[in-house]
Amino acid sequence: GEIVYGSFKSGKPQCHLNNLRNILLPAVNILSIFSMFLSFSYILVLNSHYVILTN
């Protein structure tokens, strides 16, 4: 069944965790909030201390 609307439990959770660890995480940079003054394509504010910036 659905865990959250539109998402279903995977039959291969370890495969998805490996993809997150090996593909997504190496592409993410976590910097201090003061780095927001630089020019980046996407800025995701995690909280008042950190943001995720991607080029």
N, C-alpha and C. Protein backbone atom coordinates (compact mmCIF):
# COMPACT_ATOMS: atom_id res chain seq x y z
N GLY A 1 0.80 -1.18 0.00
CA GLY A 1 0.00 0.00 0.00
C GLY A 1 0.85 1.26 0.00
N GLU A 2 0.19 2.37 -0.08
CA GLU A 2 0.89 3.65 -0.10
C GLU A 2 1.41 4.02 1.28
N ILE A 3 2.63 4.50 1.33
CA ILE A 3 3.20 5.01 2.58
C ILE A 3 2.77 6.46 2.74
N VAL A 4 2.97 7.24 1.70
CA VAL A 4 2.54 8.63 1.60
C VAL A 4 1.85 8.72 0.26
N TYR A 5 0.90 9.61 0.07
CA TYR A 5 0.17 9.72 -1.19
C TYR A 5 1.13 9.72 -2.38
N GLY A 6 0.98 8.76 -3.26
CA GLY A 6 1.80 8.69 -4.46
C GLY A 6 3.09 7.90 -4.31
N SER A 7 3.41 7.43 -3.11
CA SER A 7 4.64 6.65 -2.93
C SER A 7 4.30 5.26 -2.41
N PHE A 8 5.02 4.29 -2.91
CA PHE A 8 4.78 2.91 -2.54
C PHE A 8 6.05 2.29 -1.99
N LYS A 9 5.91 1.33 -1.10
CA LYS A 9 7.06 0.63 -0.55
C LYS A 9 7.74 -0.17 -1.65
N SER A 10 9.04 -0.04 -1.72
CA SER A 10 9.83 -0.71 -2.76
C SER A 10 10.12 -2.15 -2.38
N GLY A 11 10.19 -3.01 -3.39
CA GLY A 11 10.60 -4.38 -3.17
C GLY A 11 12.11 -4.51 -3.09
N LYS A 12 12.82 -3.43 -3.50
CA LYS A 12 14.29 -3.43 -3.49
C LYS A 12 14.81 -2.19 -2.76
N PRO A 13 14.55 -2.06 -1.46
CA PRO A 13 14.97 -0.84 -0.77
C PRO A 13 16.47 -0.62 -0.77
N GLN A 14 17.26 -1.68 -0.68
CA GLN A 14 18.72 -1.52 -0.64
C GLN A 14 19.24 -0.93 -1.95
N CYS A 15 18.64 -1.31 -3.06
CA CYS A 15 19.03 -0.76 -4.36
C CYS A 15 18.82 0.75 -4.39
N HIS A 16 17.68 1.21 -3.88
CA HIS A 16 17.38 2.64 -3.87
C HIS A 16 18.29 3.39 -2.90
N LEU A 17 18.58 2.79 -1.76
CA LEU A 17 19.51 3.41 -0.81
C LEU A 17 20.90 3.53 -1.41
N ASN A 18 21.33 2.50 -2.14
CA ASN A 18 22.64 2.56 -2.81
C ASN A 18 22.66 3.66 -3.86
N ASN A 19 21.56 3.82 -4.62
CA ASN A 19 21.50 4.89 -5.61
C ASN A 19 21.59 6.26 -4.95
N LEU A 20 20.89 6.43 -3.83
CA LEU A 20 20.97 7.71 -3.11
C LEU A 20 22.39 7.97 -2.63
N ARG A 21 23.02 6.95 -2.08
CA ARG A 21 24.37 7.10 -1.53
C ARG A 21 25.40 7.32 -2.63
N ASN A 22 25.28 6.63 -3.75
CA ASN A 22 26.32 6.66 -4.78
C ASN A 22 26.10 7.69 -5.87
N ILE A 23 24.84 8.10 -6.10
CA ILE A 23 24.55 9.04 -7.19
C ILE A 23 24.16 10.42 -6.65
N LEU A 24 23.19 10.45 -5.73
CA LEU A 24 22.68 11.75 -5.27
C LEU A 24 23.63 12.45 -4.31
N LEU A 25 24.07 11.76 -3.27
CA LEU A 25 24.88 12.42 -2.25
C LEU A 25 26.19 13.01 -2.78
N PRO A 26 26.92 12.34 -3.69
CA PRO A 26 28.14 12.97 -4.21
C PRO A 26 27.88 14.25 -5.00
N ALA A 27 26.65 14.43 -5.49
CA ALA A 27 26.33 15.61 -6.29
C ALA A 27 25.84 16.78 -5.43
N VAL A 28 25.71 16.58 -4.13
CA VAL A 28 25.16 17.59 -3.23
C VAL A 28 26.28 18.25 -2.44
N ASN A 29 26.22 19.57 -2.36
CA ASN A 29 27.16 20.34 -1.53
C ASN A 29 26.37 21.01 -0.42
N ILE A 30 26.80 20.86 0.81
CA ILE A 30 26.15 21.53 1.94
C ILE A 30 27.10 22.60 2.45
N LEU A 31 26.63 23.84 2.40
CA LEU A 31 27.44 24.99 2.80
C LEU A 31 26.69 25.81 3.84
N SER A 32 27.37 26.75 4.44
CA SER A 32 26.71 27.61 5.42
C SER A 32 25.74 28.56 4.73
N ILE A 33 24.85 29.13 5.50
CA ILE A 33 23.83 30.04 4.97
C ILE A 33 24.46 31.26 4.29
N PHE A 34 25.66 31.64 4.67
CA PHE A 34 26.30 32.82 4.09
C PHE A 34 26.72 32.59 2.64
N SER A 35 26.78 31.35 2.21
CA SER A 35 27.13 31.05 0.83
C SER A 35 26.00 31.35 -0.14
N MET A 36 24.83 31.68 0.37
CA MET A 36 23.69 31.99 -0.50
C MET A 36 23.94 33.22 -1.34
N PHE A 37 24.89 34.04 -0.97
CA PHE A 37 25.16 35.25 -1.74
C PHE A 37 25.84 34.93 -3.06
N LEU A 38 26.35 33.71 -3.22
CA LEU A 38 26.96 33.29 -4.46
C LEU A 38 25.86 32.91 -5.45
N SER A 39 26.19 32.80 -6.70
CA SER A 39 25.20 32.49 -7.74
C SER A 39 25.14 30.98 -7.98
N PHE A 40 23.99 30.38 -7.69
CA PHE A 40 23.77 28.96 -7.92
C PHE A 40 22.43 28.79 -8.63
N SER A 41 22.29 27.68 -9.32
CA SER A 41 21.06 27.41 -10.06
C SER A 41 19.89 27.09 -9.12
N TYR A 42 20.14 26.25 -8.13
CA TYR A 42 19.08 25.82 -7.23
C TYR A 42 19.55 25.99 -5.79
N ILE A 43 18.68 26.52 -4.96
CA ILE A 43 18.98 26.67 -3.54
C ILE A 43 17.82 26.07 -2.76
N LEU A 44 18.13 25.08 -1.93
CA LEU A 44 17.13 24.47 -1.07
C LEU A 44 17.51 24.77 0.37
N VAL A 45 16.68 25.53 1.06
CA VAL A 45 16.98 25.90 2.44
C VAL A 45 16.53 24.75 3.34
N LEU A 46 17.50 24.15 4.05
CA LEU A 46 17.18 23.05 4.95
C LEU A 46 16.68 23.57 6.29
N ASN A 47 17.34 24.56 6.81
CA ASN A 47 16.92 25.21 8.05
C ASN A 47 17.63 26.56 8.08
N SER A 48 17.67 27.20 9.21
CA SER A 48 18.28 28.53 9.26
C SER A 48 19.80 28.49 9.21
N HIS A 49 20.41 27.31 9.21
CA HIS A 49 21.87 27.21 9.24
C HIS A 49 22.49 26.68 7.96
N TYR A 50 21.76 25.85 7.20
CA TYR A 50 22.36 25.18 6.05
C TYR A 50 21.47 25.26 4.83
N VAL A 51 22.07 25.23 3.66
CA VAL A 51 21.35 25.16 2.39
C VAL A 51 22.03 24.12 1.51
N ILE A 52 21.29 23.60 0.54
CA ILE A 52 21.87 22.72 -0.48
C ILE A 52 21.96 23.54 -1.75
N LEU A 53 23.15 23.61 -2.34
CA LEU A 53 23.38 24.39 -3.55
C LEU A 53 23.85 23.46 -4.65
N THR A 54 23.25 23.59 -5.84
CA THR A 54 23.69 22.80 -6.98
C THR A 54 23.96 23.72 -8.15
N ASN A 55 24.86 23.35 -9.00
CA ASN A 55 25.19 24.15 -10.19
C ASN A 55 24.38 23.71 -11.38
